[in-house]
Amino acid sequence: MDHAVARYDWGRWVADCPSPDCTNAMLLDPGQQRWQCRFPLDDHGHAFGGCGTVVPIDWPASPRAIELDLAGMPESQRQWRPEQSRAAR
């Protein structure tokens, strides 16, 4: 549980919580460097939920190239996982 791994899902970057006891996944901002397992802020600005794990995020070498390679596909098919060496059509 030393890092979260960025993946492209439905045309957006996400990562799953690396904690083995947590099933949380969250959207990432491109280039975001730190994963913090929490749900969004409530109306008072307080974080709630999540397991609290904080780890660095592993990104592919060229996230923008993956986005561009998949850009012409339907949103539901814009998928990339780290085990793929390049985006597959």
PDB file of N, CA and C in Angstrom:
ATOM      1  N   MET A   1       0.838  -1.194   0.000  1.00  0.00           N
ATOM      2  CA  MET A   1       0.000   0.000   0.000  1.00  0.00           C
ATOM      3  C   MET A   1       0.880   1.254   0.000  1.00  0.00           C
ATOM      4  N   ASP A   2       1.851   1.299  -0.909  1.00  0.00           N
ATOM      5  CA  ASP A   2       2.757   2.435  -0.901  1.00  0.00           C
ATOM      6  C   ASP A   2       2.465   3.477  -1.971  1.00  0.00           C
ATOM      7  N   HIS A   3       1.474   3.212  -2.851  1.00  0.00           N
ATOM      8  CA  HIS A   3       1.117   4.205  -3.859  1.00  0.00           C
ATOM      9  C   HIS A   3      -0.245   3.858  -4.479  1.00  0.00           C
ATOM     10  N   ALA A   4      -0.879   4.870  -5.039  1.00  0.00           N
ATOM     11  CA  ALA A   4      -2.106   4.679  -5.822  1.00  0.00           C
ATOM     12  C   ALA A   4      -1.688   4.712  -7.288  1.00  0.00           C
ATOM     13  N   VAL A   5      -2.469   4.076  -8.155  1.00  0.00           N
ATOM     14  CA  VAL A   5      -2.106   3.973  -9.562  1.00  0.00           C
ATOM     15  C   VAL A   5      -3.193   4.632 -10.418  1.00  0.00           C
ATOM     16  N   ALA A   6      -2.795   5.624 -11.208  1.00  0.00           N
ATOM     17  CA  ALA A   6      -3.735   6.328 -12.082  1.00  0.00           C
ATOM     18  C   ALA A   6      -4.150   5.422 -13.236  1.00  0.00           C
ATOM     19  N   ARG A   7      -5.440   5.478 -13.579  1.00  0.00           N
ATOM     20  CA  ARG A   7      -5.969   4.779 -14.750  1.00  0.00           C
ATOM     21  C   ARG A   7      -6.994   5.695 -15.404  1.00  0.00           C
ATOM     22  N   TYR A   8      -7.221   5.476 -16.700  1.00  0.00           N
ATOM     23  CA  TYR A   8      -8.170   6.307 -17.454  1.00  0.00           C
ATOM     24  C   TYR A   8      -9.457   5.508 -17.601  1.00  0.00           C
ATOM     25  N   ASP A   9     -10.563   6.073 -17.168  1.00  0.00           N
ATOM     26  CA  ASP A   9     -11.832   5.358 -17.116  1.00  0.00           C
ATOM     27  C   ASP A   9     -12.956   6.290 -17.558  1.00  0.00           C
ATOM     28  N   TRP A  10     -13.647   5.920 -18.640  1.00  0.00           N
ATOM     29  CA  TRP A  10     -14.730   6.746 -19.181  1.00  0.00           C
ATOM     30  C   TRP A  10     -14.264   8.173 -19.447  1.00  0.00           C
ATOM     31  N   GLY A  11     -13.043   8.314 -19.933  1.00  0.00           N
ATOM     32  CA  GLY A  11     -12.536   9.633 -20.296  1.00  0.00           C
ATOM     33  C   GLY A  11     -12.131  10.505 -19.127  1.00  0.00           C
ATOM     34  N   ARG A  12     -11.800   9.900 -17.997  1.00  0.00           N
ATOM     35  CA  ARG A  12     -11.368  10.678 -16.825  1.00  0.00           C
ATOM     36  C   ARG A  12     -10.316   9.864 -16.070  1.00  0.00           C
ATOM     37  N   TRP A  13      -9.436  10.543 -15.400  1.00  0.00           N
ATOM     38  CA  TRP A  13      -8.400   9.883 -14.608  1.00  0.00           C
ATOM     39  C   TRP A  13      -8.932   9.568 -13.218  1.00  0.00           C
ATOM     40  N   VAL A  14      -8.725   8.338 -12.790  1.00  0.00           N
ATOM     41  CA  VAL A  14      -9.157   7.879 -11.467  1.00  0.00           C
ATOM     42  C   VAL A  14      -8.076   6.989 -10.863  1.00  0.00           C
ATOM     43  N   ALA A  15      -8.186   6.751  -9.574  1.00  0.00           N
ATOM     44  CA  ALA A  15      -7.316   5.785  -8.888  1.00  0.00           C
ATOM     45  C   ALA A  15      -8.131   5.123  -7.791  1.00  0.00           C
ATOM     46  N   ASP A  16      -7.820   3.860  -7.574  1.00  0.00           N
ATOM     47  CA  ASP A  16      -8.438   3.111  -6.478  1.00  0.00           C
ATOM     48  C   ASP A  16      -7.582   3.274  -5.234  1.00  0.00           C
ATOM     49  N   CYS A  17      -8.228   3.253  -4.083  1.00  0.00           N
ATOM     50  CA  CYS A  17      -7.473   3.310  -2.840  1.00  0.00           C
ATOM     51  C   CYS A  17      -6.611   2.050  -2.749  1.00  0.00           C
ATOM     52  N   PRO A  18      -5.318   2.204  -2.443  1.00  0.00           N
ATOM     53  CA  PRO A  18      -4.447   1.041  -2.373  1.00  0.00           C
ATOM     54  C   PRO A  18      -4.577   0.237  -1.079  1.00  0.00           C
ATOM     55  N   SER A  19      -5.344   0.738  -0.125  1.00  0.00           N
ATOM     56  CA  SER A  19      -5.520   0.002   1.123  1.00  0.00           C
ATOM     57  C   SER A  19      -6.339  -1.261   0.858  1.00  0.00           C
ATOM     58  N   PRO A  20      -5.877  -2.421   1.308  1.00  0.00           N
ATOM     59  CA  PRO A  20      -6.593  -3.670   1.028  1.00  0.00           C
ATOM     60  C   PRO A  20      -7.982  -3.746   1.668  1.00  0.00           C
ATOM     61  N   ASP A  21      -8.246  -2.917   2.657  1.00  0.00           N
ATOM     62  CA  ASP A  21      -9.541  -2.943   3.331  1.00  0.00           C
ATOM     63  C   ASP A  21     -10.486  -1.846   2.863  1.00  0.00           C
ATOM     64  N   CYS A  22     -10.128  -1.128   1.800  1.00  0.00           N
ATOM     65  CA  CYS A  22     -10.937  -0.005   1.323  1.00  0.00           C
ATOM     66  C   CYS A  22     -11.330  -0.225  -0.134  1.00  0.00           C
ATOM     67  N   THR A  23     -12.538   0.153  -0.485  1.00  0.00           N
ATOM     68  CA  THR A  23     -13.007   0.009  -1.863  1.00  0.00           C
ATOM     69  C   THR A  23     -13.247   1.365  -2.530  1.00  0.00           C
ATOM     70  N   ASN A  24     -12.715   2.425  -1.956  1.00  0.00           N
ATOM     71  CA  ASN A  24     -12.922   3.764  -2.476  1.00  0.00           C
ATOM     72  C   ASN A  24     -12.099   4.000  -3.743  1.00  0.00           C
ATOM     73  N   ALA A  25     -12.658   4.733  -4.683  1.00  0.00           N
ATOM     74  CA  ALA A  25     -11.949   5.219  -5.871  1.00  0.00           C
ATOM     75  C   ALA A  25     -12.349   6.677  -6.046  1.00  0.00           C
ATOM     76  N   MET A  26     -11.422   7.485  -6.544  1.00  0.00           N
ATOM     77  CA  MET A  26     -11.718   8.907  -6.694  1.00  0.00           C
ATOM     78  C   MET A  26     -11.150   9.450  -7.990  1.00  0.00           C
ATOM     79  N   LEU A  27     -11.775  10.509  -8.474  1.00  0.00           N
ATOM     80  CA  LEU A  27     -11.276  11.224  -9.651  1.00  0.00           C
ATOM     81  C   LEU A  27      -9.956  11.903  -9.316  1.00  0.00           C
ATOM     82  N   LEU A  28      -9.092  12.003 -10.322  1.00  0.00           N
ATOM     83  CA  LEU A  28      -7.809  12.679 -10.169  1.00  0.00           C
ATOM     84  C   LEU A  28      -7.741  13.872 -11.104  1.00  0.00           C
ATOM     85  N   ASP A  29      -7.019  14.875 -10.687  1.00  0.00           N
ATOM     86  CA  ASP A  29      -6.664  15.962 -11.585  1.00  0.00           C
ATOM     87  C   ASP A  29      -5.397  15.526 -12.309  1.00  0.00           C
ATOM     88  N   PRO A  30      -5.305  15.742 -13.621  1.00  0.00           N
ATOM     89  CA  PRO A  30      -4.092  15.333 -14.333  1.00  0.00           C
ATOM     90  C   PRO A  30      -2.837  15.863 -13.637  1.00  0.00           C
ATOM     91  N   GLY A  31      -1.901  14.972 -13.393  1.00  0.00           N
ATOM     92  CA  GLY A  31      -0.662  15.345 -12.735  1.00  0.00           C
ATOM     93  C   GLY A  31      -0.717  15.397 -11.217  1.00  0.00           C
ATOM     94  N   GLN A  32      -1.878  15.166 -10.639  1.00  0.00           N
ATOM     95  CA  GLN A  32      -2.003  15.174  -9.179  1.00  0.00           C
ATOM     96  C   GLN A  32      -0.974  14.213  -8.582  1.00  0.00           C
ATOM     97  N   GLN A  33      -0.289  14.623  -7.542  1.00  0.00           N
ATOM     98  CA  GLN A  33       0.813  13.826  -7.007  1.00  0.00           C
ATOM     99  C   GLN A  33       0.480  13.040  -5.747  1.00  0.00           C
ATOM    100  N   ARG A  34      -0.611  13.405  -5.059  1.00  0.00           N
ATOM    101  CA  ARG A  34      -0.899  12.762  -3.778  1.00  0.00           C
ATOM    102  C   ARG A  34      -2.331  12.247  -3.741  1.00  0.00           C
ATOM    103  N   TRP A  35      -2.483  11.005  -3.328  1.00  0.00           N
ATOM    104  CA  TRP A  35      -3.802  10.391  -3.125  1.00  0.00           C
ATOM    105  C   TRP A  35      -4.155  10.541  -1.645  1.00  0.00           C
ATOM    106  N   GLN A  36      -5.339  11.048  -1.361  1.00  0.00           N
ATOM    107  CA  GLN A  36      -5.844  11.109   0.006  1.00  0.00           C
ATOM    108  C   GLN A  36      -7.232  10.505  -0.011  1.00  0.00           C
ATOM    109  N   CYS A  37      -7.389   9.374   0.645  1.00  0.00           N
ATOM    110  CA  CYS A  37      -8.653   8.648   0.612  1.00  0.00           C
ATOM    111  C   CYS A  37      -9.684   9.322   1.508  1.00  0.00           C
ATOM    112  N   ARG A  38     -10.564  10.042   0.863  1.00  0.00           N
ATOM    113  CA  ARG A  38     -11.661  10.714   1.562  1.00  0.00           C
ATOM    114  C   ARG A  38     -12.754  10.989   0.544  1.00  0.00           C
ATOM    115  N   PHE A  39     -13.921  11.148   1.033  1.00  0.00           N
ATOM    116  CA  PHE A  39     -15.025  11.542   0.171  1.00  0.00           C
ATOM    117  C   PHE A  39     -15.055  13.063   0.110  1.00  0.00           C
ATOM    118  N   PRO A  40     -15.824  13.647  -0.804  1.00  0.00           N
ATOM    119  CA  PRO A  40     -15.839  15.110  -0.938  1.00  0.00           C
ATOM    120  C   PRO A  40     -16.245  15.826   0.355  1.00  0.00           C
ATOM    121  N   LEU A  41     -15.999  17.123   0.360  1.00  0.00           N
ATOM    122  CA  LEU A  41     -16.346  17.938   1.524  1.00  0.00           C
ATOM    123  C   LEU A  41     -17.858  18.084   1.657  1.00  0.00           C
ATOM    124  N   ASP A  42     -18.322  18.174   2.900  1.00  0.00           N
ATOM    125  CA  ASP A  42     -19.742  18.410   3.128  1.00  0.00           C
ATOM    126  C   ASP A  42     -20.032  19.908   3.021  1.00  0.00           C
ATOM    127  N   ASP A  43     -21.252  20.321   3.313  1.00  0.00           N
ATOM    128  CA  ASP A  43     -21.645  21.725   3.176  1.00  0.00           C
ATOM    129  C   ASP A  43     -20.879  22.664   4.105  1.00  0.00           C
ATOM    130  N   HIS A  44     -20.217  22.119   5.118  1.00  0.00           N
ATOM    131  CA  HIS A  44     -19.475  22.938   6.080  1.00  0.00           C
ATOM    132  C   HIS A  44     -17.969  22.885   5.835  1.00  0.00           C
ATOM    133  N   GLY A  45     -17.553  22.225   4.728  1.00  0.00           N
ATOM    134  CA  GLY A  45     -16.137  22.156   4.397  1.00  0.00           C
ATOM    135  C   GLY A  45     -15.375  21.059   5.100  1.00  0.00           C
ATOM    136  N   HIS A  46     -16.090  20.113   5.724  1.00  0.00           N
ATOM    137  CA  HIS A  46     -15.442  19.008   6.416  1.00  0.00           C
ATOM    138  C   HIS A  46     -15.401  17.771   5.527  1.00  0.00           C
ATOM    139  N   ALA A  47     -14.256  17.083   5.526  1.00  0.00           N
ATOM    140  CA  ALA A  47     -14.151  15.823   4.789  1.00  0.00           C
ATOM    141  C   ALA A  47     -14.823  14.729   5.605  1.00  0.00           C
ATOM    142  N   PHE A  48     -15.471  13.827   4.909  1.00  0.00           N
ATOM    143  CA  PHE A  48     -16.103  12.713   5.611  1.00  0.00           C
ATOM    144  C   PHE A  48     -15.917  11.442   4.808  1.00  0.00           C
ATOM    145  N   GLY A  49     -15.861  10.319   5.484  1.00  0.00           N
ATOM    146  CA  GLY A  49     -15.713   9.037   4.816  1.00  0.00           C
ATOM    147  C   GLY A  49     -14.288   8.795   4.359  1.00  0.00           C
ATOM    148  N   GLY A  50     -14.078   7.663   3.715  1.00  0.00           N
ATOM    149  CA  GLY A  50     -12.753   7.257   3.271  1.00  0.00           C
ATOM    150  C   GLY A  50     -11.955   6.700   4.433  1.00  0.00           C
ATOM    151  N   CYS A  51     -10.852   6.036   4.106  1.00  0.00           N
ATOM    152  CA  CYS A  51     -10.060   5.384   5.158  1.00  0.00           C
ATOM    153  C   CYS A  51      -8.903   6.244   5.645  1.00  0.00           C
ATOM    154  N   GLY A  52      -8.629   7.363   4.974  1.00  0.00           N
ATOM    155  CA  GLY A  52      -7.569   8.260   5.414  1.00  0.00           C
ATOM    156  C   GLY A  52      -6.194   7.979   4.829  1.00  0.00           C
ATOM    157  N   THR A  53      -6.059   6.958   3.989  1.00  0.00           N
ATOM    158  CA  THR A  53      -4.768   6.639   3.380  1.00  0.00           C
ATOM    159  C   THR A  53      -4.248   7.824   2.567  1.00  0.00           C
ATOM    160  N   VAL A  54      -2.972   8.144   2.746  1.00  0.00           N
ATOM    161  CA  VAL A  54      -2.314   9.202   1.974  1.00  0.00           C
ATOM    162  C   VAL A  54      -1.046   8.610   1.370  1.00  0.00           C
ATOM    163  N   VAL A  55      -0.972   8.567   0.049  1.00  0.00           N
ATOM    164  CA  VAL A  55       0.179   7.989  -0.661  1.00  0.00           C
ATOM    165  C   VAL A  55       0.421   8.757  -1.959  1.00  0.00           C
ATOM    166  N   PRO A  56       1.617   8.618  -2.552  1.00  0.00           N
ATOM    167  CA  PRO A  56       1.853   9.213  -3.874  1.00  0.00           C
ATOM    168  C   PRO A  56       1.082   8.457  -4.957  1.00  0.00           C
ATOM    169  N   ILE A  57       0.933   9.095  -6.113  1.00  0.00           N
ATOM    170  CA  ILE A  57       0.211   8.492  -7.238  1.00  0.00           C
ATOM    171  C   ILE A  57       1.207   8.168  -8.346  1.00  0.00           C
ATOM    172  N   ASP A  58       1.138   6.952  -8.864  1.00  0.00           N
ATOM    173  CA  ASP A  58       1.934   6.560 -10.024  1.00  0.00           C
ATOM    174  C   ASP A  58       1.147   6.905 -11.285  1.00  0.00           C
ATOM    175  N   TRP A  59       1.759   7.678 -12.177  1.00  0.00           N
ATOM    176  CA  TRP A  59       1.147   8.082 -13.446  1.00  0.00           C
ATOM    177  C   TRP A  59       1.882   7.430 -14.601  1.00  0.00           C
ATOM    178  N   PRO A  60       1.209   7.238 -15.739  1.00  0.00           N
ATOM    179  CA  PRO A  60       1.928   6.787 -16.928  1.00  0.00           C
ATOM    180  C   PRO A  60       2.887   7.884 -17.390  1.00  0.00           C
ATOM    181  N   ALA A  61       3.849   7.505 -18.215  1.00  0.00           N
ATOM    182  CA  ALA A  61       4.852   8.465 -18.679  1.00  0.00           C
ATOM    183  C   ALA A  61       4.235   9.630 -19.441  1.00  0.00           C
ATOM    184  N   SER A  62       3.149   9.371 -20.195  1.00  0.00           N
ATOM    185  CA  SER A  62       2.542  10.429 -21.007  1.00  0.00           C
ATOM    186  C   SER A  62       1.010  10.347 -20.945  1.00  0.00           C
ATOM    187  N   PRO A  63       0.405  10.851 -19.871  1.00  0.00           N
ATOM    188  CA  PRO A  63      -1.051  10.808 -19.761  1.00  0.00           C
ATOM    189  C   PRO A  63      -1.752  11.519 -20.923  1.00  0.00           C
ATOM    190  N   ARG A  64      -1.193  12.629 -21.363  1.00  0.00           N
ATOM    191  CA  ARG A  64      -1.833  13.396 -22.448  1.00  0.00           C
ATOM    192  C   ARG A  64      -1.863  12.586 -23.740  1.00  0.00           C
ATOM    193  N   ALA A  65      -0.820  11.813 -24.017  1.00  0.00           N
ATOM    194  CA  ALA A  65      -0.791  10.982 -25.222  1.00  0.00           C
ATOM    195  C   ALA A  65      -1.894   9.922 -25.163  1.00  0.00           C
ATOM    196  N   ILE A  66      -2.149   9.388 -24.002  1.00  0.00           N
ATOM    197  CA  ILE A  66      -3.231   8.401 -23.834  1.00  0.00           C
ATOM    198  C   ILE A  66      -4.573   9.071 -24.096  1.00  0.00           C
ATOM    199  N   GLU A  67      -4.786  10.248 -23.509  1.00  0.00           N
ATOM    200  CA  GLU A  67      -6.034  10.986 -23.733  1.00  0.00           C
ATOM    201  C   GLU A  67      -6.257  11.256 -25.220  1.00  0.00           C
ATOM    202  N   LEU A  68      -5.213  11.708 -25.904  1.00  0.00           N
ATOM    203  CA  LEU A  68      -5.336  12.026 -27.328  1.00  0.00           C
ATOM    204  C   LEU A  68      -5.590  10.775 -28.167  1.00  0.00           C
ATOM    205  N   ASP A  69      -4.945   9.673 -27.827  1.00  0.00           N
ATOM    206  CA  ASP A  69      -5.125   8.427 -28.567  1.00  0.00           C
ATOM    207  C   ASP A  69      -6.562   7.915 -28.465  1.00  0.00           C
ATOM    208  N   LEU A  70      -7.201   8.167 -27.337  1.00  0.00           N
ATOM    209  CA  LEU A  70      -8.559   7.675 -27.108  1.00  0.00           C
ATOM    210  C   LEU A  70      -9.643   8.715 -27.401  1.00  0.00           C
ATOM    211  N   ALA A  71      -9.261   9.926 -27.751  1.00  0.00           N
ATOM    212  CA  ALA A  71     -10.208  11.041 -27.877  1.00  0.00           C
ATOM    213  C   ALA A  71     -11.337  10.806 -28.867  1.00  0.00           C
ATOM    214  N   GLY A  72     -11.106  10.098 -29.954  1.00  0.00           N
ATOM    215  CA  GLY A  72     -12.146   9.890 -30.951  1.00  0.00           C
ATOM    216  C   GLY A  72     -13.115   8.767 -30.635  1.00  0.00           C
ATOM    217  N   MET A  73     -12.895   8.066 -29.556  1.00  0.00           N
ATOM    218  CA  MET A  73     -13.754   6.932 -29.200  1.00  0.00           C
ATOM    219  C   MET A  73     -14.937   7.400 -28.360  1.00  0.00           C
ATOM    220  N   PRO A  74     -16.021   6.620 -28.328  1.00  0.00           N
ATOM    221  CA  PRO A  74     -17.120   6.955 -27.423  1.00  0.00           C
ATOM    222  C   PRO A  74     -16.607   6.982 -25.979  1.00  0.00           C
ATOM    223  N   GLU A  75     -17.178   7.846 -25.186  1.00  0.00           N
ATOM    224  CA  GLU A  75     -16.727   8.016 -23.806  1.00  0.00           C
ATOM    225  C   GLU A  75     -16.639   6.686 -23.053  1.00  0.00           C
ATOM    226  N   SER A  76     -17.609   5.813 -23.258  1.00  0.00           N
ATOM    227  CA  SER A  76     -17.630   4.537 -22.540  1.00  0.00           C
ATOM    228  C   SER A  76     -16.467   3.624 -22.917  1.00  0.00           C
ATOM    229  N   GLN A  77     -15.796   3.927 -24.031  1.00  0.00           N
ATOM    230  CA  GLN A  77     -14.669   3.098 -24.473  1.00  0.00           C
ATOM    231  C   GLN A  77     -13.316   3.771 -24.238  1.00  0.00           C
ATOM    232  N   ARG A  78     -13.321   4.920 -23.624  1.00  0.00           N
ATOM    233  CA  ARG A  78     -12.064   5.603 -23.317  1.00  0.00           C
ATOM    234  C   ARG A  78     -11.504   5.027 -22.019  1.00  0.00           C
ATOM    235  N   GLN A  79     -10.836   3.896 -22.163  1.00  0.00           N
ATOM    236  CA  GLN A  79     -10.304   3.160 -21.023  1.00  0.00           C
ATOM    237  C   GLN A  79      -8.812   2.913 -21.214  1.00  0.00           C
ATOM    238  N   TRP A  80      -8.040   3.062 -20.165  1.00  0.00           N
ATOM    239  CA  TRP A  80      -6.628   2.687 -20.180  1.00  0.00           C
ATOM    240  C   TRP A  80      -6.236   2.264 -18.771  1.00  0.00           C
ATOM    241  N   ARG A  81      -5.506   1.166 -18.695  1.00  0.00           N
ATOM    242  CA  ARG A  81      -4.984   0.681 -17.411  1.00  0.00           C
ATOM    243  C   ARG A  81      -3.468   0.550 -17.516  1.00  0.00           C
ATOM    244  N   PRO A  82      -2.770   0.659 -16.419  1.00  0.00           N
ATOM    245  CA  PRO A  82      -1.304   0.621 -16.445  1.00  0.00           C
ATOM    246  C   PRO A  82      -0.709  -0.617 -17.102  1.00  0.00           C
ATOM    247  N   GLU A  83      -1.410  -1.725 -17.078  1.00  0.00           N
ATOM    248  CA  GLU A  83      -0.869  -2.939 -17.695  1.00  0.00           C
ATOM    249  C   GLU A  83      -0.869  -2.871 -19.226  1.00  0.00           C
ATOM    250  N   GLN A  84      -1.500  -1.834 -19.789  1.00  0.00           N
ATOM    251  CA  GLN A  84      -1.500  -1.625 -21.236  1.00  0.00           C
ATOM    252  C   GLN A  84      -0.299  -0.760 -21.594  1.00  0.00           C
ATOM    253  N   SER A  85       0.503  -1.202 -22.543  1.00  0.00           N
ATOM    254  CA  SER A  85       1.678  -0.419 -22.904  1.00  0.00           C
ATOM    255  C   SER A  85       1.288   0.842 -23.661  1.00  0.00           C
ATOM    256  N   ARG A  86       0.168   0.759 -24.399  1.00  0.00           N
ATOM    257  CA  ARG A  86      -0.363   1.953 -25.061  1.00  0.00           C
ATOM    258  C   ARG A  86      -1.868   1.769 -25.186  1.00  0.00           C
ATOM    259  N   ALA A  87      -2.561   2.843 -25.439  1.00  0.00           N
ATOM    260  CA  ALA A  87      -4.012   2.772 -25.550  1.00  0.00           C
ATOM    261  C   ALA A  87      -4.386   1.863 -26.718  1.00  0.00           C
ATOM    262  N   ALA A  88      -5.331   0.983 -26.484  1.00  0.00           N
ATOM    263  CA  ALA A  88      -5.756   0.050 -27.530  1.00  0.00           C
ATOM    264  C   ALA A  88      -7.108   0.477 -28.084  1.00  0.00           C
ATOM    265  N   ARG A  89      -7.267   0.399 -29.376  1.00  0.00           N
ATOM    266  CA  ARG A  89      -8.535   0.757 -30.008  1.00  0.00           C
ATOM    267  C   ARG A  89      -9.325  -0.470 -30.304  1.00  0.00           C
TER     268      ARG A  89
END
